Amino acid sequence: MHRLAAFWESSVGKKAVMAVTGIVGVLFVIGHMVGNLQVFQGAERLNAYGHLLHGPLNELIWGARVVLLVAVVLHMVAAWQLTMRSRAARPVPYAVRTPQVSTLASRTLRWGGVLLLAFLVYHLLDLTIGAVNPAFEEGNVYGNLLGSLQRPLIAVFYIVAMGALALHLYHGAWSSLRTLGVAPESPSPLKRRVAVAIAVIVAVGFAVVPVAVILGIVR
């Protein structure tokens, strides 16, 4: 326990925790995206998928939820503490700061994380609990999805959040592998093909659903 506490207290340990929990998050969003895309197969298919998750696989899903919740909390706490340490190390910011190798994704990572947290809370209230979805009906996954995304402002909010997710994944997928020593040093650190592929595929895979609802393709 002492070694575990010492590991957590170190900046290297916190970065490693962020890397591992980030990978957990990446795997979750990929799986969630694949499930969401079943909306294009119709109401029966998507509702059957929802019933499967909350029926025979309910215990497994609750286990996954616990793991995901722990990962999200550890990720946020580690990110916050690392930010505070960075600010404490340099209480007076640079007068002029010119980015060298940083990207838009890395420079907006914290604000993007806040937006994604707000989106996650709203998403749960919208399609899991139904507190902010006037069309919510228990067990009607397809109807709940349409009832939510047929509201233009909500659909736009979902799409904007997916933009933030793309930036977060782009930086996170790459930095997680670098932190864990999986990705080797590169003479071209801005060429992150795998990170780009993950970010684009996941963000587009999610965003295509509200777009399809707005355009009337899914109805």
C-alpha atoms as a PDB file:
ATOM      1  CA  MET A   1       0.000   0.000   0.000  1.00  0.00           C
ATOM      2  CA  HIS A   2       2.883   2.355   0.780  1.00  0.00           C
ATOM      3  CA  ARG A   3       4.405   1.765  -2.657  1.00  0.00           C
ATOM      4  CA  LEU A   4       1.020   2.282  -4.308  1.00  0.00           C
ATOM      5  CA  ALA A   5       0.531   5.566  -2.430  1.00  0.00           C
ATOM      6  CA  ALA A   6       4.056   6.689  -3.325  1.00  0.00           C
ATOM      7  CA  PHE A   7       3.393   5.822  -6.972  1.00  0.00           C
ATOM      8  CA  TRP A   8       0.175   7.870  -6.947  1.00  0.00           C
ATOM      9  CA  GLU A   9       1.875  10.829  -5.294  1.00  0.00           C
ATOM     10  CA  SER A  10       4.553  11.031  -7.978  1.00  0.00           C
ATOM     11  CA  SER A  11       3.921  12.993 -11.158  1.00  0.00           C
ATOM     12  CA  VAL A  12       5.045   9.990 -13.210  1.00  0.00           C
ATOM     13  CA  GLY A  13       2.512   7.824 -11.398  1.00  0.00           C
ATOM     14  CA  LYS A  14      -0.310  10.264 -12.063  1.00  0.00           C
ATOM     15  CA  LYS A  15       0.599  10.439 -15.736  1.00  0.00           C
ATOM     16  CA  ALA A  16       0.617   6.641 -15.918  1.00  0.00           C
ATOM     17  CA  VAL A  17      -2.817   6.524 -14.261  1.00  0.00           C
ATOM     18  CA  MET A  18      -4.087   9.062 -16.769  1.00  0.00           C
ATOM     19  CA  ALA A  19      -2.672   6.957 -19.601  1.00  0.00           C
ATOM     20  CA  VAL A  20      -4.277   3.694 -18.437  1.00  0.00           C
ATOM     21  CA  THR A  21      -7.633   5.288 -17.621  1.00  0.00           C
ATOM     22  CA  GLY A  22      -7.499   7.124 -20.935  1.00  0.00           C
ATOM     23  CA  ILE A  23      -7.113   3.810 -22.778  1.00  0.00           C
ATOM     24  CA  VAL A  24     -10.103   2.465 -20.839  1.00  0.00           C
ATOM     25  CA  GLY A  25     -12.067   5.482 -22.040  1.00  0.00           C
ATOM     26  CA  VAL A  26     -10.977   4.986 -25.650  1.00  0.00           C
ATOM     27  CA  LEU A  27     -12.098   1.342 -25.608  1.00  0.00           C
ATOM     28  CA  PHE A  28     -15.437   2.356 -24.105  1.00  0.00           C
ATOM     29  CA  VAL A  29     -16.224   5.048 -26.662  1.00  0.00           C
ATOM     30  CA  ILE A  30     -15.333   2.713 -29.529  1.00  0.00           C
ATOM     31  CA  GLY A  31     -17.710   0.070 -28.197  1.00  0.00           C
ATOM     32  CA  HIS A  32     -20.410   2.644 -27.504  1.00  0.00           C
ATOM     33  CA  MET A  33     -20.064   4.071 -31.009  1.00  0.00           C
ATOM     34  CA  VAL A  34     -20.487   0.633 -32.594  1.00  0.00           C
ATOM     35  CA  GLY A  35     -23.635   0.094 -30.539  1.00  0.00           C
ATOM     36  CA  ASN A  36     -25.043   3.498 -31.488  1.00  0.00           C
ATOM     37  CA  LEU A  37     -24.602   2.875 -35.202  1.00  0.00           C
ATOM     38  CA  GLN A  38     -27.237   0.151 -34.989  1.00  0.00           C
ATOM     39  CA  VAL A  39     -29.759   2.987 -35.127  1.00  0.00           C
ATOM     40  CA  PHE A  40     -29.356   2.823 -38.911  1.00  0.00           C
ATOM     41  CA  GLN A  41     -30.715  -0.735 -38.827  1.00  0.00           C
ATOM     42  CA  GLY A  42     -34.019   0.453 -37.416  1.00  0.00           C
ATOM     43  CA  ALA A  43     -35.940   0.626 -34.153  1.00  0.00           C
ATOM     44  CA  GLU A  44     -36.273  -3.124 -33.689  1.00  0.00           C
ATOM     45  CA  ARG A  45     -32.549  -3.712 -33.968  1.00  0.00           C
ATOM     46  CA  LEU A  46     -31.495  -0.882 -31.636  1.00  0.00           C
ATOM     47  CA  ASN A  47     -34.142  -1.720 -29.036  1.00  0.00           C
ATOM     48  CA  ALA A  48     -33.114  -5.379 -29.116  1.00  0.00           C
ATOM     49  CA  TYR A  49     -29.539  -4.288 -28.487  1.00  0.00           C
ATOM     50  CA  GLY A  50     -30.694  -2.162 -25.558  1.00  0.00           C
ATOM     51  CA  HIS A  51     -32.715  -5.033 -24.100  1.00  0.00           C
ATOM     52  CA  LEU A  52     -29.692  -7.328 -24.419  1.00  0.00           C
ATOM     53  CA  LEU A  53     -27.524  -4.917 -22.433  1.00  0.00           C
ATOM     54  CA  HIS A  54     -30.123  -4.451 -19.694  1.00  0.00           C
ATOM     55  CA  GLY A  55     -31.261  -8.067 -19.673  1.00  0.00           C
ATOM     56  CA  PRO A  56     -28.873 -11.019 -20.026  1.00  0.00           C
ATOM     57  CA  LEU A  57     -25.788  -8.793 -19.927  1.00  0.00           C
ATOM     58  CA  ASN A  58     -26.998  -6.484 -17.142  1.00  0.00           C
ATOM     59  CA  GLU A  59     -24.482  -7.671 -14.524  1.00  0.00           C
ATOM     60  CA  LEU A  60     -21.631  -7.397 -17.009  1.00  0.00           C
ATOM     61  CA  ILE A  61     -22.746  -3.889 -17.972  1.00  0.00           C
ATOM     62  CA  TRP A  62     -22.876  -2.796 -14.332  1.00  0.00           C
ATOM     63  CA  GLY A  63     -19.361  -4.115 -13.848  1.00  0.00           C
ATOM     64  CA  ALA A  64     -18.225  -2.127 -16.896  1.00  0.00           C
ATOM     65  CA  ARG A  65     -19.966   0.965 -15.527  1.00  0.00           C
ATOM     66  CA  VAL A  66     -18.114   0.669 -12.214  1.00  0.00           C
ATOM     67  CA  VAL A  67     -14.775   0.289 -14.007  1.00  0.00           C
ATOM     68  CA  LEU A  68     -15.575   3.253 -16.251  1.00  0.00           C
ATOM     69  CA  LEU A  69     -16.682   5.423 -13.320  1.00  0.00           C
ATOM     70  CA  VAL A  70     -13.481   4.666 -11.400  1.00  0.00           C
ATOM     71  CA  ALA A  71     -11.441   5.375 -14.538  1.00  0.00           C
ATOM     72  CA  VAL A  72     -13.176   8.713 -15.141  1.00  0.00           C
ATOM     73  CA  VAL A  73     -12.727   9.825 -11.508  1.00  0.00           C
ATOM     74  CA  LEU A  74      -9.050   8.828 -11.425  1.00  0.00           C
ATOM     75  CA  HIS A  75      -8.477  10.497 -14.800  1.00  0.00           C
ATOM     76  CA  MET A  76     -10.017  13.784 -13.653  1.00  0.00           C
ATOM     77  CA  VAL A  77      -8.306  13.810 -10.258  1.00  0.00           C
ATOM     78  CA  ALA A  78      -4.901  13.061 -11.768  1.00  0.00           C
ATOM     79  CA  ALA A  79      -5.398  15.722 -14.451  1.00  0.00           C
ATOM     80  CA  TRP A  80      -6.423  18.320 -11.860  1.00  0.00           C
ATOM     81  CA  GLN A  81      -3.519  17.560  -9.537  1.00  0.00           C
ATOM     82  CA  LEU A  82      -0.980  17.630 -12.366  1.00  0.00           C
ATOM     83  CA  THR A  83      -2.372  20.979 -13.501  1.00  0.00           C
ATOM     84  CA  MET A  84      -2.057  22.391  -9.989  1.00  0.00           C
ATOM     85  CA  ARG A  85       1.521  21.138  -9.731  1.00  0.00           C
ATOM     86  CA  SER A  86       2.378  22.692 -13.066  1.00  0.00           C
ATOM     87  CA  ARG A  87       0.949  26.045 -11.989  1.00  0.00           C
ATOM     88  CA  ALA A  88       2.703  25.883  -8.621  1.00  0.00           C
ATOM     89  CA  ALA A  89       6.011  25.208 -10.368  1.00  0.00           C
ATOM     90  CA  ARG A  90       5.566  28.370 -12.447  1.00  0.00           C
ATOM     91  CA  PRO A  91       3.185  30.764 -10.645  1.00  0.00           C
ATOM     92  CA  VAL A  92       4.078  33.560 -13.065  1.00  0.00           C
ATOM     93  CA  PRO A  93       3.214  32.591 -16.658  1.00  0.00           C
ATOM     94  CA  TYR A  94       5.516  33.226 -19.608  1.00  0.00           C
ATOM     95  CA  ALA A  95       5.287  36.771 -20.994  1.00  0.00           C
ATOM     96  CA  VAL A  96       5.388  35.326 -24.505  1.00  0.00           C
ATOM     97  CA  ARG A  97       4.657  31.701 -25.242  1.00  0.00           C
ATOM     98  CA  THR A  98       5.196  30.338 -28.742  1.00  0.00           C
ATOM     99  CA  PRO A  99       4.086  26.714 -29.224  1.00  0.00           C
ATOM    100  CA  GLN A 100       6.759  24.509 -30.787  1.00  0.00           C
ATOM    101  CA  VAL A 101       5.461  20.935 -30.976  1.00  0.00           C
ATOM    102  CA  SER A 102       2.115  21.350 -29.205  1.00  0.00           C
ATOM    103  CA  THR A 103      -1.155  21.001 -31.087  1.00  0.00           C
ATOM    104  CA  LEU A 104      -4.574  22.599 -30.813  1.00  0.00           C
ATOM    105  CA  ALA A 105      -5.707  19.389 -29.111  1.00  0.00           C
ATOM    106  CA  SER A 106      -3.046  19.621 -26.385  1.00  0.00           C
ATOM    107  CA  ARG A 107      -3.601  23.343 -25.835  1.00  0.00           C
ATOM    108  CA  THR A 108      -7.373  22.929 -25.415  1.00  0.00           C
ATOM    109  CA  LEU A 109      -7.225  19.606 -23.569  1.00  0.00           C
ATOM    110  CA  ARG A 110      -8.377  20.936 -20.193  1.00  0.00           C
ATOM    111  CA  TRP A 111     -11.288  22.966 -21.522  1.00  0.00           C
ATOM    112  CA  GLY A 112     -12.250  20.108 -23.803  1.00  0.00           C
ATOM    113  CA  GLY A 113     -12.251  17.804 -20.792  1.00  0.00           C
ATOM    114  CA  VAL A 114     -14.619  20.140 -18.938  1.00  0.00           C
ATOM    115  CA  LEU A 115     -16.963  20.232 -21.943  1.00  0.00           C
ATOM    116  CA  LEU A 116     -16.894  16.432 -22.199  1.00  0.00           C
ATOM    117  CA  LEU A 117     -17.676  16.097 -18.491  1.00  0.00           C
ATOM    118  CA  ALA A 118     -20.664  18.424 -18.885  1.00  0.00           C
ATOM    119  CA  PHE A 119     -21.754  16.443 -21.936  1.00  0.00           C
ATOM    120  CA  LEU A 120     -21.424  13.141 -20.080  1.00  0.00           C
ATOM    121  CA  VAL A 121     -23.642  14.367 -17.246  1.00  0.00           C
ATOM    122  CA  TYR A 122     -26.240  15.669 -19.701  1.00  0.00           C
ATOM    123  CA  HIS A 123     -26.061  12.500 -21.803  1.00  0.00           C
ATOM    124  CA  LEU A 124     -26.843  10.340 -18.764  1.00  0.00           C
ATOM    125  CA  LEU A 125     -29.721  12.601 -17.745  1.00  0.00           C
ATOM    126  CA  ASP A 126     -30.985  12.588 -21.324  1.00  0.00           C
ATOM    127  CA  LEU A 127     -30.827   8.981 -22.528  1.00  0.00           C
ATOM    128  CA  THR A 128     -30.178   6.870 -19.417  1.00  0.00           C
ATOM    129  CA  ILE A 129     -32.258   8.510 -16.701  1.00  0.00           C
ATOM    130  CA  GLY A 130     -34.572  10.515 -18.974  1.00  0.00           C
ATOM    131  CA  ALA A 131     -34.781  13.509 -16.633  1.00  0.00           C
ATOM    132  CA  VAL A 132     -34.178  16.055 -19.424  1.00  0.00           C
ATOM    133  CA  ASN A 133     -35.827  14.128 -22.255  1.00  0.00           C
ATOM    134  CA  PRO A 134     -39.586  14.805 -22.441  1.00  0.00           C
ATOM    135  CA  ALA A 135     -40.034  11.901 -24.892  1.00  0.00           C
ATOM    136  CA  PHE A 136     -38.273   9.386 -22.639  1.00  0.00           C
ATOM    137  CA  GLU A 137     -39.864   5.950 -22.395  1.00  0.00           C
ATOM    138  CA  GLU A 138     -38.196   3.157 -20.440  1.00  0.00           C
ATOM    139  CA  GLY A 139     -36.849   0.494 -22.780  1.00  0.00           C
ATOM    140  CA  ASN A 140     -37.536   2.435 -25.989  1.00  0.00           C
ATOM    141  CA  VAL A 141     -33.922   3.188 -26.908  1.00  0.00           C
ATOM    142  CA  TYR A 142     -34.717   4.176 -30.495  1.00  0.00           C
ATOM    143  CA  GLY A 143     -37.600   6.455 -29.540  1.00  0.00           C
ATOM    144  CA  ASN A 144     -35.602   8.102 -26.766  1.00  0.00           C
ATOM    145  CA  LEU A 145     -32.728   8.783 -29.146  1.00  0.00           C
ATOM    146  CA  LEU A 146     -35.006  10.368 -31.733  1.00  0.00           C
ATOM    147  CA  GLY A 147     -36.929  12.310 -29.106  1.00  0.00           C
ATOM    148  CA  SER A 148     -33.696  13.858 -27.920  1.00  0.00           C
ATOM    149  CA  LEU A 149     -31.927  14.551 -31.207  1.00  0.00           C
ATOM    150  CA  GLN A 150     -34.979  15.890 -33.024  1.00  0.00           C
ATOM    151  CA  ARG A 151     -34.486  18.999 -30.883  1.00  0.00           C
ATOM    152  CA  PRO A 152     -32.037  21.062 -33.003  1.00  0.00           C
ATOM    153  CA  LEU A 153     -30.146  22.670 -30.113  1.00  0.00           C
ATOM    154  CA  ILE A 154     -29.583  19.315 -28.453  1.00  0.00           C
ATOM    155  CA  ALA A 155     -28.402  17.772 -31.728  1.00  0.00           C
ATOM    156  CA  VAL A 156     -25.945  20.638 -32.231  1.00  0.00           C
ATOM    157  CA  PHE A 157     -24.708  20.248 -28.653  1.00  0.00           C
ATOM    158  CA  TYR A 158     -24.037  16.565 -29.305  1.00  0.00           C
ATOM    159  CA  ILE A 159     -22.137  17.369 -32.506  1.00  0.00           C
ATOM    160  CA  VAL A 160     -20.026  20.073 -30.828  1.00  0.00           C
ATOM    161  CA  ALA A 161     -19.233  17.666 -27.988  1.00  0.00           C
ATOM    162  CA  MET A 162     -18.035  15.131 -30.548  1.00  0.00           C
ATOM    163  CA  GLY A 163     -15.646  17.766 -31.894  1.00  0.00           C
ATOM    164  CA  ALA A 164     -14.214  18.125 -28.390  1.00  0.00           C
ATOM    165  CA  LEU A 165     -14.048  14.335 -28.147  1.00  0.00           C
ATOM    166  CA  ALA A 166     -12.065  14.166 -31.388  1.00  0.00           C
ATOM    167  CA  LEU A 167      -9.446  16.605 -30.069  1.00  0.00           C
ATOM    168  CA  HIS A 168      -9.303  14.779 -26.728  1.00  0.00           C
ATOM    169  CA  LEU A 169      -8.847  11.405 -28.400  1.00  0.00           C
ATOM    170  CA  TYR A 170      -6.258  12.744 -30.835  1.00  0.00           C
ATOM    171  CA  HIS A 171      -3.994  13.939 -28.055  1.00  0.00           C
ATOM    172  CA  GLY A 172      -4.939  11.322 -25.471  1.00  0.00           C
ATOM    173  CA  ALA A 173      -4.481   8.228 -27.629  1.00  0.00           C
ATOM    174  CA  TRP A 174      -0.997   9.362 -28.649  1.00  0.00           C
ATOM    175  CA  SER A 175       0.159  10.646 -25.258  1.00  0.00           C
ATOM    176  CA  SER A 176      -1.125   7.544 -23.437  1.00  0.00           C
ATOM    177  CA  LEU A 177       1.022   5.264 -25.578  1.00  0.00           C
ATOM    178  CA  ARG A 178       4.017   7.584 -25.174  1.00  0.00           C
ATOM    179  CA  THR A 179       3.571   7.711 -21.391  1.00  0.00           C
ATOM    180  CA  LEU A 180       3.426   3.922 -21.140  1.00  0.00           C
ATOM    181  CA  GLY A 181       6.482   3.571 -23.394  1.00  0.00           C
ATOM    182  CA  VAL A 182       4.580   1.756 -26.140  1.00  0.00           C
ATOM    183  CA  ALA A 183       5.081   4.408 -28.826  1.00  0.00           C
ATOM    184  CA  PRO A 184       8.760   4.953 -29.707  1.00  0.00           C
ATOM    185  CA  GLU A 185      10.435   8.313 -30.083  1.00  0.00           C
ATOM    186  CA  SER A 186       9.715   9.868 -33.451  1.00  0.00           C
ATOM    187  CA  PRO A 187      11.564  12.525 -35.474  1.00  0.00           C
ATOM    188  CA  SER A 188       8.122  13.780 -36.543  1.00  0.00           C
ATOM    189  CA  PRO A 189       6.082  13.935 -33.299  1.00  0.00           C
ATOM    190  CA  LEU A 190       3.172  15.696 -35.014  1.00  0.00           C
ATOM    191  CA  LYS A 191       2.616  12.765 -37.399  1.00  0.00           C
ATOM    192  CA  ARG A 192       0.218  10.710 -35.327  1.00  0.00           C
ATOM    193  CA  ARG A 193      -1.603   8.581 -37.877  1.00  0.00           C
ATOM    194  CA  VAL A 194      -3.128   6.091 -35.430  1.00  0.00           C
ATOM    195  CA  ALA A 195      -4.328   8.878 -33.137  1.00  0.00           C
ATOM    196  CA  VAL A 196      -5.850  10.730 -36.094  1.00  0.00           C
ATOM    197  CA  ALA A 197      -7.617   7.567 -37.279  1.00  0.00           C
ATOM    198  CA  ILE A 198      -9.081   6.839 -33.835  1.00  0.00           C
ATOM    199  CA  ALA A 199     -10.203  10.440 -33.313  1.00  0.00           C
ATOM    200  CA  VAL A 200     -11.827  10.800 -36.733  1.00  0.00           C
ATOM    201  CA  ILE A 201     -13.527   7.400 -36.787  1.00  0.00           C
ATOM    202  CA  VAL A 202     -14.994   7.719 -33.289  1.00  0.00           C
ATOM    203  CA  ALA A 203     -16.078  11.357 -33.598  1.00  0.00           C
ATOM    204  CA  VAL A 204     -17.651  10.870 -37.027  1.00  0.00           C
ATOM    205  CA  GLY A 205     -19.231   7.599 -35.911  1.00  0.00           C
ATOM    206  CA  PHE A 206     -20.988   9.412 -33.081  1.00  0.00           C
ATOM    207  CA  ALA A 207     -21.756  12.678 -34.908  1.00  0.00           C
ATOM    208  CA  VAL A 208     -23.328  10.953 -37.917  1.00  0.00           C
ATOM    209  CA  VAL A 209     -26.291   9.925 -35.734  1.00  0.00           C
ATOM    210  CA  PRO A 210     -27.529  13.437 -34.798  1.00  0.00           C
ATOM    211  CA  VAL A 211     -26.778  14.596 -38.339  1.00  0.00           C
ATOM    212  CA  ALA A 212     -28.896  11.754 -39.732  1.00  0.00           C
ATOM    213  CA  VAL A 213     -31.733  12.614 -37.363  1.00  0.00           C
ATOM    214  CA  ILE A 214     -31.624  16.313 -38.310  1.00  0.00           C
ATOM    215  CA  LEU A 215     -31.661  15.449 -42.019  1.00  0.00           C
ATOM    216  CA  GLY A 216     -34.525  13.024 -41.558  1.00  0.00           C
ATOM    217  CA  ILE A 217     -32.493   9.999 -42.639  1.00  0.00           C
ATOM    218  CA  VAL A 218     -33.240   8.386 -39.280  1.00  0.00           C
ATOM    219  CA  ARG A 219     -36.819   8.971 -38.169  1.00  0.00           C
END
